[in-house]
Amino acid sequence: MSENAAGKRGARARAARYRSRERAKDFLCVAPALAFFLAFVYYPVVELFRIGFTNWNLIKDKYDYVGFKNWKWLFQGSGCEKLLASLRITFTYTFWEILITLAGGILLAALFNRESRAFSAMRSVLFMPRYIAISTSAIVFMWILNDQYGILNYVLKLFGAAPLAWLNSEKTALASVLVLTGWRVVGYGMMIYLSAMKGISPEYYEAAKIDGAGPFQRFRYITLPLLSPTTLFLFVTTFIASMKVFQSVDVMTGGGPYQSTNVTVFWIYELAFVDFRVDRAAVVSCLFFVILLASTAATMRISSKNVHYES
């Protein structure tokens, strides 16, 4: 009996050593990726918070720790008004980009869900803008939207409408940037939704037809619920990407006119490389990081009860 007990203890010890070695191997496999994230993601975030407690000006060679002075500037000083204005512009832009991506993408996916060479070619044409550089696209759209010799105003004149200063008016500047955005993202949303539609079993639609459901009812009660994981994915990724919009604003409007397109990331860029106030740019970046993190977490929590993962 004692020999059996000793054998069992020895077997358990060997099993424990084997599990330890396997865990060590697993850790060694992920160690390079972990080191990469520590060096290029987490350390910069920590360093960003540290810089926020300094008075770092790029014009000066040295900086000192000033405590919460920059945070007071952001919440109680002149930075508060600019912060609220930039966040308002950023969330407005984000709302419309998400709407264009989700609504336009799902409608185009339903329209182009056909198997033919013609529809494949049209899908490629709609998806192609996604892979054109933003700077290149922005320059082309600046020519299209130019108030003096732009093709859009030329077309408006043909129909008897008055030309507009698309990029030089506070009322139309952000909408003009969104025109470029919609042109780039709607095809991407279409392809993501289309690939998800291909994964829905046709048995659901056949059963619905037998029960007398029409095309709209099948779309409303079968397609939309089963596309909810895809909608969540597109919503979260589009939200994060649109909140960080910079390049199209930088090329097309430069944050103007009169700060009407001064999104948060562009404001951070101006604080750091135009005003040379790296400390204030760090503070705004930290707050922006927290806003993105909280918004994404809230979205995932709220949508967890409304997403159907069975298809």
Protein backbone atom coordinates (compact mmCIF):
# COMPACT_ATOMS: atom_id res chain seq x y z
CA MET A 1 0.00 0.00 0.00
CA SER A 2 2.83 2.39 0.88
CA GLU A 3 4.55 1.56 -2.41
CA ASN A 4 1.36 2.45 -4.32
CA ALA A 5 1.07 5.73 -2.42
CA ALA A 6 4.71 6.55 -3.13
CA GLY A 7 4.19 5.73 -6.81
CA LYS A 8 1.17 8.02 -6.98
CA ARG A 9 3.12 10.82 -5.31
CA GLY A 10 5.96 10.32 -7.78
CA ALA A 11 3.54 10.38 -10.72
CA ARG A 12 1.95 13.58 -9.44
CA ALA A 13 5.38 15.15 -9.02
CA ARG A 14 6.38 14.20 -12.57
CA ALA A 15 3.08 15.55 -13.89
CA ALA A 16 3.63 18.82 -11.99
CA ARG A 17 7.15 19.15 -13.40
CA TYR A 18 5.82 18.44 -16.89
CA ARG A 19 3.14 21.13 -16.51
CA SER A 20 5.75 23.58 -15.25
CA ARG A 21 7.96 22.93 -18.25
CA GLU A 22 5.00 23.36 -20.63
CA ARG A 23 4.04 26.64 -18.97
CA ALA A 24 7.65 27.82 -19.27
CA LYS A 25 7.65 26.92 -22.98
CA ASP A 26 4.38 28.76 -23.49
CA PHE A 27 5.77 31.82 -21.74
CA LEU A 28 8.92 31.74 -23.88
CA CYS A 29 6.73 31.69 -27.00
CA VAL A 30 4.81 34.81 -25.98
CA ALA A 31 7.78 36.58 -24.39
CA PRO A 32 8.87 38.37 -27.62
CA ALA A 33 5.36 39.74 -28.19
CA LEU A 34 5.09 40.73 -24.53
CA ALA A 35 8.44 42.51 -24.69
CA PHE A 36 7.34 44.32 -27.83
CA PHE A 37 4.13 45.58 -26.20
CA LEU A 38 5.97 46.59 -23.03
CA ALA A 39 8.55 48.57 -25.01
CA PHE A 40 6.34 50.19 -27.65
CA VAL A 41 2.85 50.36 -26.09
CA TYR A 42 2.78 50.31 -22.30
CA TYR A 43 6.02 52.15 -21.63
CA PRO A 44 5.07 55.09 -23.91
CA VAL A 45 1.70 55.35 -22.12
CA VAL A 46 3.40 55.48 -18.72
CA GLU A 47 5.93 57.99 -20.06
CA LEU A 48 3.07 60.08 -21.43
CA PHE A 49 1.49 60.35 -18.00
CA ARG A 50 4.88 61.27 -16.52
CA ILE A 51 5.44 64.06 -19.06
CA GLY A 52 2.03 65.46 -18.14
CA PHE A 53 3.43 66.41 -14.72
CA THR A 54 6.30 68.46 -16.20
CA ASN A 55 6.65 71.85 -17.90
CA TRP A 56 8.40 70.43 -20.97
CA ASN A 57 8.71 73.04 -23.71
CA LEU A 58 10.61 72.00 -26.83
CA ILE A 59 12.26 75.42 -27.01
CA LYS A 60 13.97 74.82 -23.66
CA ASP A 61 16.62 72.22 -22.93
CA LYS A 62 15.39 71.34 -19.44
CA TYR A 63 12.09 70.75 -17.74
CA ASP A 64 10.89 70.48 -14.15
CA TYR A 65 8.08 68.64 -12.43
CA VAL A 66 5.14 70.98 -11.79
CA GLY A 67 2.56 68.60 -10.36
CA PHE A 68 -1.01 69.05 -11.57
CA LYS A 69 -0.43 72.44 -13.20
CA ASN A 70 -1.12 71.13 -16.72
CA TRP A 71 -4.22 69.29 -15.55
CA LYS A 72 -5.52 72.52 -14.00
CA TRP A 73 -4.88 74.28 -17.31
CA LEU A 74 -6.90 71.59 -19.06
CA PHE A 75 -9.89 71.51 -16.71
CA GLN A 76 -9.92 74.98 -15.15
CA GLY A 77 -7.88 77.19 -17.49
CA SER A 78 -7.96 78.17 -21.12
CA GLY A 79 -7.55 74.56 -22.22
CA CYS A 80 -11.02 73.57 -21.00
CA GLU A 81 -12.91 75.46 -23.69
CA LYS A 82 -10.65 74.17 -26.44
CA LEU A 83 -10.94 70.65 -25.08
CA LEU A 84 -14.74 70.71 -25.14
CA ALA A 85 -14.77 72.22 -28.63
CA SER A 86 -12.35 69.63 -30.03
CA LEU A 87 -14.22 66.74 -28.40
CA ARG A 88 -17.51 68.02 -29.79
CA ILE A 89 -16.03 68.17 -33.30
CA THR A 90 -14.40 64.76 -32.90
CA PHE A 91 -17.57 63.05 -31.67
CA THR A 92 -19.59 64.69 -34.45
CA TYR A 93 -17.14 63.38 -37.03
CA THR A 94 -17.14 59.95 -35.36
CA PHE A 95 -20.93 59.74 -35.32
CA TRP A 96 -21.20 60.38 -39.04
CA GLU A 97 -18.35 58.05 -39.99
CA ILE A 98 -19.90 55.23 -37.96
CA LEU A 99 -23.29 55.90 -39.53
CA ILE A 100 -21.84 55.89 -43.04
CA THR A 101 -19.84 52.72 -42.40
CA LEU A 102 -22.64 50.73 -40.77
CA ALA A 103 -25.73 51.92 -42.63
CA GLY A 104 -24.03 52.37 -46.01
CA GLY A 105 -22.06 49.15 -45.64
CA ILE A 106 -25.03 46.93 -44.81
CA LEU A 107 -27.24 48.44 -47.53
CA LEU A 108 -24.56 48.03 -50.18
CA ALA A 109 -23.84 44.50 -48.96
CA ALA A 110 -27.51 43.58 -49.35
CA LEU A 111 -27.52 45.19 -52.80
CA PHE A 112 -24.31 43.57 -54.06
CA ASN A 113 -24.91 40.13 -52.55
CA ARG A 114 -24.99 38.56 -56.02
CA GLU A 115 -22.68 36.03 -57.65
CA SER A 116 -21.68 37.39 -61.05
CA ARG A 117 -18.66 38.97 -62.70
CA ALA A 118 -20.40 42.32 -63.01
CA PHE A 119 -21.21 42.50 -59.31
CA SER A 120 -17.69 41.35 -58.42
CA ALA A 121 -16.24 44.16 -60.51
CA MET A 122 -18.55 46.73 -58.91
CA ARG A 123 -17.64 45.47 -55.43
CA SER A 124 -13.95 45.88 -56.29
CA VAL A 125 -14.55 49.46 -57.46
CA LEU A 126 -16.32 50.33 -54.19
CA PHE A 127 -13.69 48.63 -52.04
CA MET A 128 -10.65 50.07 -53.84
CA PRO A 129 -10.67 53.53 -52.13
CA ARG A 130 -9.79 51.82 -48.85
CA TYR A 131 -6.28 51.15 -50.15
CA ILE A 132 -5.62 54.57 -51.64
CA ALA A 133 -3.43 56.76 -49.42
CA ILE A 134 -5.40 59.32 -47.43
CA SER A 135 -3.02 62.12 -48.39
CA THR A 136 -3.44 61.34 -52.09
CA SER A 137 -7.22 61.13 -51.79
CA ALA A 138 -7.34 64.34 -49.77
CA ILE A 139 -5.46 66.29 -52.46
CA VAL A 140 -7.86 65.02 -55.14
CA PHE A 141 -10.88 65.98 -53.04
CA MET A 142 -9.39 69.41 -52.39
CA TRP A 143 -9.46 69.93 -56.14
CA ILE A 144 -13.02 68.59 -56.42
CA LEU A 145 -14.24 70.82 -53.57
CA ASN A 146 -12.31 73.94 -54.52
CA ASP A 147 -14.64 76.94 -54.43
CA GLN A 148 -13.18 78.57 -57.56
CA TYR A 149 -12.33 75.82 -60.04
CA GLY A 150 -13.61 72.66 -58.35
CA ILE A 151 -15.67 70.22 -60.38
CA LEU A 152 -18.42 70.04 -57.74
CA ASN A 153 -19.16 73.76 -57.92
CA TYR A 154 -19.00 73.52 -61.71
CA VAL A 155 -21.75 70.88 -61.64
CA LEU A 156 -23.79 73.02 -59.23
CA LYS A 157 -23.55 75.96 -61.64
CA LEU A 158 -24.87 73.76 -64.45
CA PHE A 159 -28.01 73.15 -62.39
CA GLY A 160 -28.35 76.82 -61.50
CA ALA A 161 -27.20 76.47 -57.88
CA ALA A 162 -24.82 78.90 -56.21
CA PRO A 163 -21.25 77.64 -55.65
CA LEU A 164 -20.13 77.01 -52.08
CA ALA A 165 -16.82 77.49 -50.30
CA TRP A 166 -16.73 73.89 -49.18
CA LEU A 167 -13.39 73.90 -47.38
CA ASN A 168 -13.37 77.58 -46.38
CA SER A 169 -16.70 77.78 -44.58
CA GLU A 170 -17.35 76.79 -40.97
CA LYS A 171 -20.69 75.25 -41.99
CA THR A 172 -19.35 72.94 -44.70
CA ALA A 173 -15.70 72.22 -43.82
CA LEU A 174 -16.36 69.21 -41.59
CA ALA A 175 -18.96 67.87 -44.01
CA SER A 176 -16.39 68.15 -46.80
CA VAL A 177 -13.93 66.03 -44.83
CA LEU A 178 -16.73 63.52 -44.23
CA VAL A 179 -17.31 63.27 -47.98
CA LEU A 180 -13.77 61.95 -48.34
CA THR A 181 -14.26 59.69 -45.33
CA GLY A 182 -17.49 58.22 -46.65
CA TRP A 183 -15.91 57.55 -50.03
CA ARG A 184 -13.12 55.59 -48.32
CA VAL A 185 -15.02 53.61 -45.66
CA VAL A 186 -18.36 52.61 -47.19
CA GLY A 187 -16.79 49.96 -49.43
CA TYR A 188 -14.91 48.49 -46.48
CA GLY A 189 -18.11 48.21 -44.46
CA MET A 190 -19.80 46.59 -47.45
CA MET A 191 -17.11 43.90 -47.78
CA ILE A 192 -17.13 43.08 -44.05
CA TYR A 193 -20.92 42.76 -44.00
CA LEU A 194 -20.92 40.82 -47.25
CA SER A 195 -18.47 38.24 -45.91
CA ALA A 196 -20.66 37.86 -42.81
CA MET A 197 -23.80 37.44 -44.93
CA LYS A 198 -22.11 34.60 -46.81
CA GLY A 199 -21.73 32.78 -43.49
CA ILE A 200 -25.44 32.81 -42.65
CA SER A 201 -27.03 29.42 -43.27
CA PRO A 202 -29.61 29.50 -46.11
CA GLU A 203 -31.80 27.17 -44.03
CA TYR A 204 -32.98 30.17 -42.00
CA TYR A 205 -34.22 31.93 -45.11
CA GLU A 206 -35.83 28.79 -46.50
CA ALA A 207 -37.74 28.21 -43.26
CA ALA A 208 -38.83 31.86 -43.21
CA LYS A 209 -40.08 31.61 -46.80
CA ILE A 210 -42.13 28.56 -45.91
CA ASP A 211 -43.69 30.55 -43.05
CA GLY A 212 -44.59 33.32 -45.47
CA ALA A 213 -41.96 35.92 -44.51
CA GLY A 214 -41.22 38.52 -47.19
CA PRO A 215 -37.78 39.93 -48.16
CA PHE A 216 -38.00 42.82 -45.68
CA GLN A 217 -39.09 40.52 -42.84
CA ARG A 218 -36.25 38.10 -43.59
CA PHE A 219 -33.78 40.97 -43.57
CA ARG A 220 -35.22 42.45 -40.37
CA TYR A 221 -35.60 39.26 -38.32
CA ILE A 222 -32.84 37.03 -39.69
CA THR A 223 -30.07 39.02 -41.38
CA LEU A 224 -29.80 41.93 -38.94
CA PRO A 225 -29.72 39.83 -35.72
CA LEU A 226 -27.18 37.40 -37.16
CA LEU A 227 -25.00 40.28 -38.32
CA SER A 228 -24.84 41.79 -34.82
CA PRO A 229 -21.30 40.44 -34.08
CA THR A 230 -20.12 42.01 -37.33
CA THR A 231 -21.90 45.25 -36.45
CA LEU A 232 -20.21 45.29 -33.06
CA PHE A 233 -16.80 44.68 -34.65
CA LEU A 234 -17.30 47.45 -37.19
CA PHE A 235 -18.67 49.82 -34.58
CA VAL A 236 -15.73 49.41 -32.20
CA THR A 237 -13.01 49.51 -34.87
CA THR A 238 -14.62 52.44 -36.70
CA PHE A 239 -15.14 54.32 -33.44
CA ILE A 240 -11.47 54.02 -32.47
CA ALA A 241 -10.22 54.88 -35.96
CA SER A 242 -12.54 57.85 -36.43
CA MET A 243 -11.77 59.30 -33.02
CA LYS A 244 -8.11 59.35 -34.06
CA VAL A 245 -8.73 61.12 -37.38
CA PHE A 246 -5.82 63.36 -38.32
CA GLN A 247 -4.39 63.07 -41.81
CA SER A 248 -7.45 64.09 -43.83
CA VAL A 249 -8.00 67.11 -41.57
CA ASP A 250 -4.34 68.05 -41.73
CA VAL A 251 -4.24 67.97 -45.54
CA MET A 252 -7.66 69.38 -46.38
CA THR A 253 -8.40 72.03 -43.75
CA GLY A 254 -5.53 72.29 -41.27
CA GLY A 255 -8.06 72.40 -38.44
CA GLY A 256 -9.85 75.42 -39.90
CA PRO A 257 -11.58 77.49 -40.85
CA TYR A 258 -11.87 79.12 -37.44
CA GLN A 259 -11.12 75.82 -35.66
CA SER A 260 -14.29 74.24 -37.11
CA THR A 261 -12.41 71.01 -37.95
CA ASN A 262 -9.95 71.10 -35.06
CA VAL A 263 -10.33 67.47 -33.98
CA THR A 264 -8.62 66.28 -30.81
CA VAL A 265 -5.63 64.52 -32.41
CA PHE A 266 -4.93 67.55 -34.61
CA TRP A 267 -5.09 69.78 -31.52
CA ILE A 268 -2.59 67.49 -29.78
CA TYR A 269 -0.30 67.78 -32.79
CA GLU A 270 -0.54 71.58 -32.73
CA LEU A 271 0.19 71.71 -29.00
CA ALA A 272 3.32 69.58 -29.40
CA PHE A 273 4.80 70.75 -32.72
CA VAL A 274 3.36 74.23 -33.30
CA ASP A 275 3.13 75.60 -29.75
CA PHE A 276 6.01 73.33 -28.59
CA ARG A 277 4.09 72.49 -25.38
CA VAL A 278 4.77 68.79 -25.11
CA ASP A 279 3.55 68.80 -21.50
CA ARG A 280 0.09 70.04 -22.46
CA ALA A 281 -0.04 67.72 -25.45
CA ALA A 282 0.75 64.81 -23.11
CA VAL A 283 -2.06 65.78 -20.75
CA VAL A 284 -4.61 65.98 -23.56
CA SER A 285 -3.34 62.66 -24.95
CA CYS A 286 -3.74 60.97 -21.55
CA LEU A 287 -7.30 62.20 -21.21
CA PHE A 288 -8.07 61.18 -24.78
CA PHE A 289 -6.67 57.71 -24.09
CA VAL A 290 -8.94 57.35 -21.04
CA ILE A 291 -11.97 58.51 -23.05
CA LEU A 292 -11.29 55.96 -25.80
CA LEU A 293 -10.73 53.18 -23.27
CA ALA A 294 -13.89 53.98 -21.29
CA SER A 295 -16.03 54.38 -24.39
CA THR A 296 -14.88 51.08 -25.87
CA ALA A 297 -15.39 49.22 -22.59
CA ALA A 298 -18.88 50.70 -22.19
CA THR A 299 -19.77 49.73 -25.76
CA MET A 300 -18.64 46.14 -25.24
CA ARG A 301 -20.54 45.90 -21.95
CA ILE A 302 -23.80 47.34 -23.30
CA SER A 303 -23.74 45.33 -26.51
CA SER A 304 -22.89 42.00 -24.85
CA LYS A 305 -26.59 41.34 -24.19
CA ASN A 306 -27.73 42.28 -27.70
CA VAL A 307 -25.20 40.41 -29.83
CA HIS A 308 -26.14 37.01 -31.27
CA TYR A 309 -23.10 34.83 -31.97
CA GLU A 310 -24.97 31.84 -33.42
CA SER A 311 -25.36 31.75 -37.19
